[in-house]
C-alpha atoms as a PDB file:
ATOM      1  CA  MET A   1      79.996 102.421 110.601  1.00  0.00           C
ATOM      2  CA  THR A   2      77.008 102.584 108.265  1.00  0.00           C
ATOM      3  CA  SER A   3      74.767  99.583 107.683  1.00  0.00           C
ATOM      4  CA  TYR A   4      75.893  99.504 104.030  1.00  0.00           C
ATOM      5  CA  PHE A   5      79.521  98.940 104.984  1.00  0.00           C
ATOM      6  CA  MET A   6      78.627  96.424 107.691  1.00  0.00           C
ATOM      7  CA  LYS A   7      76.362  94.442 105.346  1.00  0.00           C
ATOM      8  CA  CYS A   8      78.204  94.732 102.044  1.00  0.00           C
ATOM      9  CA  ILE A   9      81.854  95.673 102.490  1.00  0.00           C
ATOM     10  CA  VAL A  10      82.980  94.325 105.866  1.00  0.00           C
ATOM     11  CA  PRO A  11      81.765  90.719 105.242  1.00  0.00           C
ATOM     12  CA  ARG A  12      83.939  90.548 102.103  1.00  0.00           C
ATOM     13  CA  LEU A  13      86.975  91.744 104.062  1.00  0.00           C
ATOM     14  CA  ILE A  14      86.307  89.206 106.801  1.00  0.00           C
ATOM     15  CA  GLN A  15      85.837  86.361 104.333  1.00  0.00           C
ATOM     16  CA  ALA A  16      89.099  87.149 102.554  1.00  0.00           C
ATOM     17  CA  ALA A  17      90.987  87.369 105.854  1.00  0.00           C
ATOM     18  CA  LEU A  18      89.572  84.079 107.139  1.00  0.00           C
ATOM     19  CA  GLU A  19      90.319  82.310 103.848  1.00  0.00           C
ATOM     20  CA  GLU A  20      93.899  83.535 104.066  1.00  0.00           C
ATOM     21  CA  ASP A  21      94.347  82.454 107.688  1.00  0.00           C
ATOM     22  CA  VAL A  22      92.287  79.270 107.997  1.00  0.00           C
ATOM     23  CA  GLY A  23      92.788  77.778 104.550  1.00  0.00           C
ATOM     24  CA  VAL A  24      91.519  74.184 104.610  1.00  0.00           C
ATOM     25  CA  GLY A  25      91.283  74.150 108.406  1.00  0.00           C
ATOM     26  CA  ASP A  26      92.900  74.939 111.756  1.00  0.00           C
ATOM     27  CA  VAL A  27      95.088  71.887 112.334  1.00  0.00           C
ATOM     28  CA  THR A  28      95.984  72.858 115.914  1.00  0.00           C
ATOM     29  CA  THR A  29      92.427  73.440 117.114  1.00  0.00           C
ATOM     30  CA  GLY A  30      91.287  70.335 115.251  1.00  0.00           C
ATOM     31  CA  ALA A  31      93.815  68.262 117.176  1.00  0.00           C
ATOM     32  CA  VAL A  32      93.238  69.775 120.613  1.00  0.00           C
ATOM     33  CA  LEU A  33      89.422  69.844 120.545  1.00  0.00           C
ATOM     34  CA  ILE A  34      86.910  67.307 119.292  1.00  0.00           C
ATOM     35  CA  GLY A  35      84.693  70.176 118.181  1.00  0.00           C
ATOM     36  CA  GLU A  36      81.834  70.099 120.684  1.00  0.00           C
ATOM     37  CA  GLU A  37      83.482  71.775 123.676  1.00  0.00           C
ATOM     38  CA  VAL A  38      81.846  75.034 124.717  1.00  0.00           C
ATOM     39  CA  GLY A  39      83.068  77.850 126.861  1.00  0.00           C
ATOM     40  CA  SER A  40      83.667  81.589 126.964  1.00  0.00           C
ATOM     41  CA  ALA A  41      86.451  84.039 126.325  1.00  0.00           C
ATOM     42  CA  GLN A  42      87.131  87.680 127.125  1.00  0.00           C
ATOM     43  CA  ALA A  43      88.896  90.315 125.059  1.00  0.00           C
ATOM     44  CA  VAL A  44      91.094  92.162 127.550  1.00  0.00           C
ATOM     45  CA  ALA A  45      92.969  95.437 127.032  1.00  0.00           C
ATOM     46  CA  LYS A  46      96.641  95.036 127.921  1.00  0.00           C
ATOM     47  CA  SER A  47      97.397  98.738 127.475  1.00  0.00           C
ATOM     48  CA  ALA A  48      95.438 101.996 127.522  1.00  0.00           C
ATOM     49  CA  LEU A  49      93.509 102.378 124.257  1.00  0.00           C
ATOM     50  CA  VAL A  50      90.628 103.962 122.374  1.00  0.00           C
ATOM     51  CA  VAL A  51      88.062 101.408 121.253  1.00  0.00           C
ATOM     52  CA  ALA A  52      87.387 101.344 117.509  1.00  0.00           C
ATOM     53  CA  GLY A  53      85.862  98.548 115.458  1.00  0.00           C
ATOM     54  CA  ILE A  54      84.019  96.622 118.177  1.00  0.00           C
ATOM     55  CA  ASP A  55      81.312  95.709 115.621  1.00  0.00           C
ATOM     56  CA  VAL A  56      83.926  94.470 113.143  1.00  0.00           C
ATOM     57  CA  PHE A  57      85.476  92.412 115.944  1.00  0.00           C
ATOM     58  CA  LYS A  58      82.059  90.918 116.657  1.00  0.00           C
ATOM     59  CA  GLU A  59      81.270  90.188 113.016  1.00  0.00           C
ATOM     60  CA  VAL A  60      84.376  88.063 112.519  1.00  0.00           C
ATOM     61  CA  PHE A  61      83.213  85.621 115.183  1.00  0.00           C
ATOM     62  CA  LEU A  62      79.614  85.572 113.925  1.00  0.00           C
ATOM     63  CA  PHE A  63      80.756  85.215 110.314  1.00  0.00           C
ATOM     64  CA  TRP A  64      82.542  82.025 111.273  1.00  0.00           C
ATOM     65  CA  ASP A  65      79.842  80.740 113.607  1.00  0.00           C
ATOM     66  CA  LYS A  66      76.472  82.504 113.796  1.00  0.00           C
ATOM     67  CA  ASP A  67      75.625  80.608 116.990  1.00  0.00           C
ATOM     68  CA  LEU A  68      78.355  82.285 119.029  1.00  0.00           C
ATOM     69  CA  LYS A  69      77.172  84.830 121.591  1.00  0.00           C
ATOM     70  CA  PHE A  70      78.977  88.170 121.643  1.00  0.00           C
ATOM     71  CA  THR A  71      78.638  90.870 124.276  1.00  0.00           C
ATOM     72  CA  GLY A  72      80.452  94.157 123.723  1.00  0.00           C
ATOM     73  CA  LEU A  73      81.376  95.912 126.963  1.00  0.00           C
ATOM     74  CA  ARG A  74      82.988  99.012 125.417  1.00  0.00           C
ATOM     75  CA  GLY A  75      81.684 101.069 122.514  1.00  0.00           C
ATOM     76  CA  ASP A  76      83.605 102.787 119.748  1.00  0.00           C
ATOM     77  CA  GLY A  77      85.185 106.001 120.979  1.00  0.00           C
ATOM     78  CA  GLN A  78      85.331 104.914 124.596  1.00  0.00           C
ATOM     79  CA  THR A  79      88.643 104.515 126.376  1.00  0.00           C
ATOM     80  CA  ALA A  80      89.913 101.440 128.190  1.00  0.00           C
ATOM     81  CA  ALA A  81      92.625 100.902 130.750  1.00  0.00           C
ATOM     82  CA  PRO A  82      94.917  97.874 131.112  1.00  0.00           C
ATOM     83  CA  GLY A  83      92.866  94.977 132.451  1.00  0.00           C
ATOM     84  CA  ASP A  84      89.524  96.255 131.212  1.00  0.00           C
ATOM     85  CA  VAL A  85      87.307  93.667 129.530  1.00  0.00           C
ATOM     86  CA  LEU A  86      86.200  94.902 126.121  1.00  0.00           C
ATOM     87  CA  ALA A  87      83.986  92.012 125.055  1.00  0.00           C
ATOM     88  CA  GLU A  88      82.879  88.497 125.962  1.00  0.00           C
ATOM     89  CA  ILE A  89      82.326  85.659 123.506  1.00  0.00           C
ATOM     90  CA  SER A  90      80.713  82.324 124.330  1.00  0.00           C
ATOM     91  CA  GLY A  91      79.851  79.148 122.444  1.00  0.00           C
ATOM     92  CA  LYS A  92      81.895  76.486 120.694  1.00  0.00           C
ATOM     93  CA  LEU A  93      85.518  76.891 121.705  1.00  0.00           C
ATOM     94  CA  SER A  94      86.742  75.645 118.346  1.00  0.00           C
ATOM     95  CA  SER A  95      84.909  78.498 116.610  1.00  0.00           C
ATOM     96  CA  ILE A  96      86.268  81.077 119.037  1.00  0.00           C
ATOM     97  CA  LEU A  97      89.818  79.850 118.520  1.00  0.00           C
ATOM     98  CA  VAL A  98      89.572  79.747 114.727  1.00  0.00           C
ATOM     99  CA  ALA A  99      88.236  83.306 114.477  1.00  0.00           C
ATOM    100  CA  GLU A 100      90.464  84.751 117.224  1.00  0.00           C
ATOM    101  CA  ARG A 101      93.459  85.995 115.237  1.00  0.00           C
ATOM    102  CA  VAL A 102      91.570  87.560 112.346  1.00  0.00           C
ATOM    103  CA  ALA A 103      89.198  89.288 114.769  1.00  0.00           C
ATOM    104  CA  LEU A 104      92.082  90.646 116.826  1.00  0.00           C
ATOM    105  CA  ASN A 105      94.062  91.732 113.761  1.00  0.00           C
ATOM    106  CA  PHE A 106      91.246  94.006 112.636  1.00  0.00           C
ATOM    107  CA  PHE A 107      90.361  95.216 116.132  1.00  0.00           C
ATOM    108  CA  GLN A 108      93.888  95.905 117.383  1.00  0.00           C
ATOM    109  CA  ARG A 109      94.789  97.883 114.265  1.00  0.00           C
ATOM    110  CA  MET A 110      91.611  99.959 114.397  1.00  0.00           C
ATOM    111  CA  CYS A 111      92.074 100.730 118.090  1.00  0.00           C
ATOM    112  CA  GLY A 112      95.679 101.720 117.428  1.00  0.00           C
ATOM    113  CA  ILE A 113      94.657 104.128 114.666  1.00  0.00           C
ATOM    114  CA  ALA A 114      91.917 105.659 116.800  1.00  0.00           C
ATOM    115  CA  GLY A 115      94.292 106.090 119.727  1.00  0.00           C
ATOM    116  CA  MET A 116      96.984 107.794 117.664  1.00  0.00           C
ATOM    117  CA  THR A 117      94.422 110.045 115.987  1.00  0.00           C
ATOM    118  CA  ARG A 118      93.074 111.109 119.357  1.00  0.00           C
ATOM    119  CA  GLN A 119      96.581 112.048 120.470  1.00  0.00           C
ATOM    120  CA  TYR A 120      96.982 114.326 117.445  1.00  0.00           C
ATOM    121  CA  SER A 121      93.495 115.779 117.889  1.00  0.00           C
ATOM    122  CA  GLU A 122      94.178 116.578 121.543  1.00  0.00           C
ATOM    123  CA  GLU A 123      97.447 118.313 120.649  1.00  0.00           C
ATOM    124  CA  ILE A 124      95.738 120.851 118.382  1.00  0.00           C
ATOM    125  CA  LYS A 125      92.744 121.672 120.575  1.00  0.00           C
ATOM    126  CA  GLY A 126      92.022 125.374 120.624  1.00  0.00           C
ATOM    127  CA  THR A 127      93.162 125.922 117.024  1.00  0.00           C
ATOM    128  CA  ARG A 128      91.104 125.995 113.830  1.00  0.00           C
ATOM    129  CA  ALA A 129      92.948 123.049 112.289  1.00  0.00           C
ATOM    130  CA  LYS A 130      91.555 119.589 111.688  1.00  0.00           C
ATOM    131  CA  ILE A 131      93.561 116.363 111.511  1.00  0.00           C
ATOM    132  CA  LEU A 132      93.208 114.492 108.204  1.00  0.00           C
ATOM    133  CA  ASP A 133      94.211 111.009 107.174  1.00  0.00           C
ATOM    134  CA  THR A 134      95.770 110.091 103.824  1.00  0.00           C
ATOM    135  CA  ARG A 135      95.618 107.297 101.249  1.00  0.00           C
ATOM    136  CA  LYS A 136      98.607 105.640 102.963  1.00  0.00           C
ATOM    137  CA  THR A 137      96.429 102.842 104.308  1.00  0.00           C
ATOM    138  CA  ALA A 138      96.727  99.060 104.429  1.00  0.00           C
ATOM    139  CA  PRO A 139      95.702  97.714 100.998  1.00  0.00           C
ATOM    140  CA  GLY A 140      92.182  96.326 100.968  1.00  0.00           C
ATOM    141  CA  ILE A 141      91.058  97.624 104.369  1.00  0.00           C
ATOM    142  CA  ARG A 142      91.056 101.376 103.777  1.00  0.00           C
ATOM    143  CA  VAL A 143      87.421 101.619 104.852  1.00  0.00           C
ATOM    144  CA  LEU A 144      88.354 100.279 108.304  1.00  0.00           C
ATOM    145  CA  ASP A 145      91.418 102.511 108.631  1.00  0.00           C
ATOM    146  CA  ARG A 146      89.416 105.618 107.688  1.00  0.00           C
ATOM    147  CA  TYR A 147      86.590 104.722 110.073  1.00  0.00           C
ATOM    148  CA  ALA A 148      89.066 104.358 112.934  1.00  0.00           C
ATOM    149  CA  VAL A 149      90.457 107.823 112.173  1.00  0.00           C
ATOM    150  CA  ARG A 150      86.981 109.316 112.564  1.00  0.00           C
ATOM    151  CA  ILE A 151      86.460 107.467 115.841  1.00  0.00           C
ATOM    152  CA  GLY A 152      89.704 109.027 117.097  1.00  0.00           C
ATOM    153  CA  GLY A 153      88.469 112.533 116.300  1.00  0.00           C
ATOM    154  CA  GLY A 154      90.092 113.007 112.901  1.00  0.00           C
ATOM    155  CA  PHE A 155      88.601 113.679 109.483  1.00  0.00           C
ATOM    156  CA  ASN A 156      88.878 111.884 106.162  1.00  0.00           C
ATOM    157  CA  HIS A 157      90.677 113.197 103.088  1.00  0.00           C
ATOM    158  CA  ARG A 158      89.536 111.940  99.665  1.00  0.00           C
ATOM    159  CA  PHE A 159      88.857 108.215  99.831  1.00  0.00           C
ATOM    160  CA  GLY A 160      90.597 107.332  96.596  1.00  0.00           C
ATOM    161  CA  LEU A 161      91.787 108.671  93.276  1.00  0.00           C
ATOM    162  CA  TYR A 162      88.216 108.948  92.009  1.00  0.00           C
ATOM    163  CA  ASP A 163      86.500 111.282  94.475  1.00  0.00           C
ATOM    164  CA  GLY A 164      88.780 114.301  94.587  1.00  0.00           C
ATOM    165  CA  VAL A 165      91.507 116.038  92.589  1.00  0.00           C
ATOM    166  CA  LEU A 166      94.943 116.415  94.136  1.00  0.00           C
ATOM    167  CA  ILE A 167      97.516 117.782  91.714  1.00  0.00           C
ATOM    168  CA  LYS A 168     100.881 116.714  93.120  1.00  0.00           C
ATOM    169  CA  ASP A 169     104.442 117.573  92.161  1.00  0.00           C
ATOM    170  CA  ASN A 170     104.694 114.829  89.543  1.00  0.00           C
ATOM    171  CA  HIS A 171     101.438 115.928  87.909  1.00  0.00           C
ATOM    172  CA  ILE A 172     102.755 119.500  87.830  1.00  0.00           C
ATOM    173  CA  ALA A 173     106.051 118.379  86.317  1.00  0.00           C
ATOM    174  CA  ALA A 174     104.258 116.298  83.693  1.00  0.00           C
ATOM    175  CA  ALA A 175     101.871 119.145  82.779  1.00  0.00           C
ATOM    176  CA  GLY A 176     104.540 121.840  82.702  1.00  0.00           C
ATOM    177  CA  GLY A 177     103.449 123.914  85.672  1.00  0.00           C
ATOM    178  CA  ILE A 178     100.656 124.570  88.160  1.00  0.00           C
ATOM    179  CA  THR A 179      98.658 126.923  85.938  1.00  0.00           C
ATOM    180  CA  ARG A 180      98.557 124.494  83.023  1.00  0.00           C
ATOM    181  CA  ALA A 181      97.860 121.480  85.251  1.00  0.00           C
ATOM    182  CA  VAL A 182      94.902 123.216  86.889  1.00  0.00           C
ATOM    183  CA  ALA A 183      93.504 124.344  83.539  1.00  0.00           C
ATOM    184  CA  MET A 184      93.766 120.831  82.114  1.00  0.00           C
ATOM    185  CA  VAL A 185      92.028 119.357  85.141  1.00  0.00           C
ATOM    186  CA  ARG A 186      89.224 121.942  85.053  1.00  0.00           C
ATOM    187  CA  ASP A 187      88.572 121.053  81.396  1.00  0.00           C
ATOM    188  CA  HIS A 188      88.325 117.374  82.255  1.00  0.00           C
ATOM    189  CA  ILE A 189      86.397 116.997  85.531  1.00  0.00           C
ATOM    190  CA  PRO A 190      82.782 117.698  86.543  1.00  0.00           C
ATOM    191  CA  HIS A 191      82.201 121.000  88.341  1.00  0.00           C
ATOM    192  CA  THR A 192      81.243 119.126  91.513  1.00  0.00           C
ATOM    193  CA  LEU A 193      84.828 117.991  92.202  1.00  0.00           C
ATOM    194  CA  LYS A 194      87.146 120.229  94.204  1.00  0.00           C
ATOM    195  CA  VAL A 195      90.663 120.845  92.958  1.00  0.00           C
ATOM    196  CA  GLU A 196      93.561 120.769  95.401  1.00  0.00           C
ATOM    197  CA  VAL A 197      97.138 121.504  94.368  1.00  0.00           C
ATOM    198  CA  GLU A 198     100.381 120.709  96.154  1.00  0.00           C
ATOM    199  CA  VAL A 199     102.894 123.562  96.463  1.00  0.00           C
ATOM    200  CA  ARG A 200     106.462 123.610  97.764  1.00  0.00           C
ATOM    201  CA  ASN A 201     107.203 127.318  98.173  1.00  0.00           C
ATOM    202  CA  LEU A 202     105.575 130.734  98.381  1.00  0.00           C
ATOM    203  CA  THR A 203     105.967 131.417  94.663  1.00  0.00           C
ATOM    204  CA  GLU A 204     103.883 128.339  93.959  1.00  0.00           C
ATOM    205  CA  VAL A 205     101.352 129.458  96.573  1.00  0.00           C
ATOM    206  CA  GLU A 206     100.865 132.668  94.583  1.00  0.00           C
ATOM    207  CA  GLU A 207     100.489 130.695  91.353  1.00  0.00           C
ATOM    208  CA  ALA A 208      97.902 128.414  92.981  1.00  0.00           C
ATOM    209  CA  ILE A 209      95.942 131.452  94.206  1.00  0.00           C
ATOM    210  CA  ALA A 210      95.982 132.932  90.708  1.00  0.00           C
ATOM    211  CA  SER A 211      94.761 129.588  89.336  1.00  0.00           C
ATOM    212  CA  ALA A 212      91.700 129.757  91.620  1.00  0.00           C
ATOM    213  CA  VAL A 213      92.155 126.304  93.125  1.00  0.00           C
ATOM    214  CA  ASP A 214      89.828 125.117  95.878  1.00  0.00           C
ATOM    215  CA  VAL A 215      92.472 123.906  98.360  1.00  0.00           C
ATOM    216  CA  ILE A 216      96.230 124.426  98.622  1.00  0.00           C
ATOM    217  CA  MET A 217      98.487 121.785 100.158  1.00  0.00           C
ATOM    218  CA  LEU A 218     101.665 123.154 101.729  1.00  0.00           C
ATOM    219  CA  ASP A 219     104.140 120.338 101.179  1.00  0.00           C
ATOM    220  CA  ASN A 220     107.023 120.028 103.653  1.00  0.00           C
ATOM    221  CA  MET A 221     107.161 123.745 104.360  1.00  0.00           C
ATOM    222  CA  SER A 222     108.798 125.218 107.427  1.00  0.00           C
ATOM    223  CA  ILE A 223     106.705 126.763 110.185  1.00  0.00           C
ATOM    224  CA  SER A 224     107.689 130.279 109.072  1.00  0.00           C
ATOM    225  CA  GLU A 225     106.797 129.512 105.445  1.00  0.00           C
ATOM    226  CA  MET A 226     103.398 128.212 106.531  1.00  0.00           C
ATOM    227  CA  ARG A 227     102.732 131.452 108.426  1.00  0.00           C
ATOM    228  CA  GLU A 228     103.641 133.452 105.332  1.00  0.00           C
ATOM    229  CA  ALA A 229     101.370 131.283 103.206  1.00  0.00           C
ATOM    230  CA  VAL A 230      98.483 131.903 105.618  1.00  0.00           C
ATOM    231  CA  SER A 231      99.125 135.648 105.311  1.00  0.00           C
ATOM    232  CA  LEU A 232      99.225 135.445 101.509  1.00  0.00           C
ATOM    233  CA  VAL A 233      95.976 133.516 101.240  1.00  0.00           C
ATOM    234  CA  ARG A 234      94.111 135.660 103.813  1.00  0.00           C
ATOM    235  CA  GLY A 235      91.417 133.061 104.333  1.00  0.00           C
ATOM    236  CA  ARG A 236      90.353 132.947 100.680  1.00  0.00           C
ATOM    237  CA  ILE A 237      91.403 129.324 100.114  1.00  0.00           C
ATOM    238  CA  PRO A 238      91.652 126.492 102.671  1.00  0.00           C
ATOM    239  CA  LEU A 239      95.238 125.469 103.426  1.00  0.00           C
ATOM    240  CA  GLU A 240      96.429 121.957 104.219  1.00  0.00           C
ATOM    241  CA  ALA A 241      99.812 121.287 105.810  1.00  0.00           C
ATOM    242  CA  SER A 242     101.451 118.011 104.848  1.00  0.00           C
ATOM    243  CA  GLY A 243     104.793 116.280 105.282  1.00  0.00           C
ATOM    244  CA  GLY A 244     106.981 115.777 108.330  1.00  0.00           C
ATOM    245  CA  VAL A 245     104.094 116.070 110.783  1.00  0.00           C
ATOM    246  CA  ASN A 246     104.551 114.429 114.184  1.00  0.00           C
ATOM    247  CA  LEU A 247     103.281 114.833 117.730  1.00  0.00           C
ATOM    248  CA  SER A 248     106.124 117.147 118.673  1.00  0.00           C
ATOM    249  CA  ASN A 249     105.410 119.732 115.960  1.00  0.00           C
ATOM    250  CA  VAL A 250     101.706 119.361 115.134  1.00  0.00           C
ATOM    251  CA  LYS A 251     100.630 122.072 117.581  1.00  0.00           C
ATOM    252  CA  GLN A 252     103.110 124.554 116.096  1.00  0.00           C
ATOM    253  CA  ILE A 253     101.792 123.733 112.642  1.00  0.00           C
ATOM    254  CA  ALA A 254      98.192 124.200 113.774  1.00  0.00           C
ATOM    255  CA  GLU A 255      99.045 127.555 115.348  1.00  0.00           C
ATOM    256  CA  THR A 256     100.210 128.932 111.978  1.00  0.00           C
ATOM    257  CA  GLY A 257      96.540 129.189 111.022  1.00  0.00           C
ATOM    258  CA  VAL A 258      96.275 126.366 108.488  1.00  0.00           C
ATOM    259  CA  ASP A 259      92.883 124.712 108.142  1.00  0.00           C
ATOM    260  CA  PHE A 260      93.943 121.069 107.796  1.00  0.00           C
ATOM    261  CA  ILE A 261      96.926 118.921 108.762  1.00  0.00           C
ATOM    262  CA  SER A 262      97.290 115.580 106.994  1.00  0.00           C
ATOM    263  CA  VAL A 263      99.142 112.852 108.869  1.00  0.00           C
ATOM    264  CA  GLY A 264     100.133 109.732 106.961  1.00  0.00           C
ATOM    265  CA  ALA A 265     101.466 108.112 110.128  1.00  0.00           C
ATOM    266  CA  LEU A 266      97.926 107.619 111.420  1.00  0.00           C
ATOM    267  CA  THR A 267      97.555 104.647 109.109  1.00  0.00           C
ATOM    268  CA  HIS A 268     100.952 103.806 107.608  1.00  0.00           C
ATOM    269  CA  SER A 269     102.918 103.672 110.888  1.00  0.00           C
ATOM    270  CA  VAL A 270     100.288 102.709 113.418  1.00  0.00           C
ATOM    271  CA  THR A 271     101.142 100.529 116.409  1.00  0.00           C
ATOM    272  CA  ALA A 272      98.355  98.031 117.026  1.00  0.00           C
ATOM    273  CA  SER A 273      96.800  98.224 120.468  1.00  0.00           C
ATOM    274  CA  ASP A 274      97.657  95.387 122.842  1.00  0.00           C
ATOM    275  CA  ILE A 275      94.556  93.228 123.294  1.00  0.00           C
ATOM    276  CA  SER A 276      94.403  89.573 124.329  1.00  0.00           C
ATOM    277  CA  LEU A 277      91.637  87.010 123.987  1.00  0.00           C
ATOM    278  CA  ILE A 278      91.597  84.826 127.087  1.00  0.00           C
ATOM    279  CA  ILE A 279      89.580  81.636 127.573  1.00  0.00           C
ATOM    280  CA  ARG A 280      87.836  82.010 130.926  1.00  0.00           C
ATOM    281  CA  SER A 281      85.669  78.898 131.143  1.00  0.00           C
ATOM    282  CA  HIS A 282      85.423  75.556 129.431  1.00  0.00           C
ATOM    283  CA  ARG A 283      83.203  72.546 129.622  1.00  0.00           C
ATOM    284  CA  GLY A 284      83.223  69.503 127.396  1.00  0.00           C
END
């Protein structure tokens, strides 16, 4: 993750998450500890995973207490097996316990996204296709979700509504057709923005080609329809397959010859990786 995000964006996310979780104070930790006890803890993988967000994990602890010591033992993109130690944290136990859940929430989600993305990326090896994410991310932490996708071997679609044009079915219905929607968009946007249009059948593919769009999204098409679309386009316009993609059919989709496959499940249906923080030593 770039220094800009780590310095400017991630601290705001961490602060908001800690304010939500800690509120006016951790009543349990405040009762169990007097506040001066020190010790160490280890983050341990409880299942096989792909590490993503180790620096975000670290920053949560240091945001709460800059005197904590953090040692990362796995880097982003590396794999871990059950029982592997991913990181060690030492210092005031009260600080470790207060920051624990927020740190794990970010880290477990990011590792889960990276792991799922790697599964999809492995399935389509040997084809020209690339796995893309979507805007179906957790509100407020899209930057972390998208970063985890890249760590898993995927690629990012447009970040938001502002950095790319995607004319979807409702836009087309509102404009009165693909041709008119594309023309209206071209009249409105700077020339630097690409225009992608969503199509549902081969007739619409032909209309999108005639409209000289930059990318065509094949929405919920069958495998045979995708093959026909690839033949129609003949490499002139990049094709993105979207809708109904899963691990059992993604290779078939990739083998049709499409350029991109967008998978909303990477971020909207992710299963967080199983990671525990375990206190290993303690002295008063």
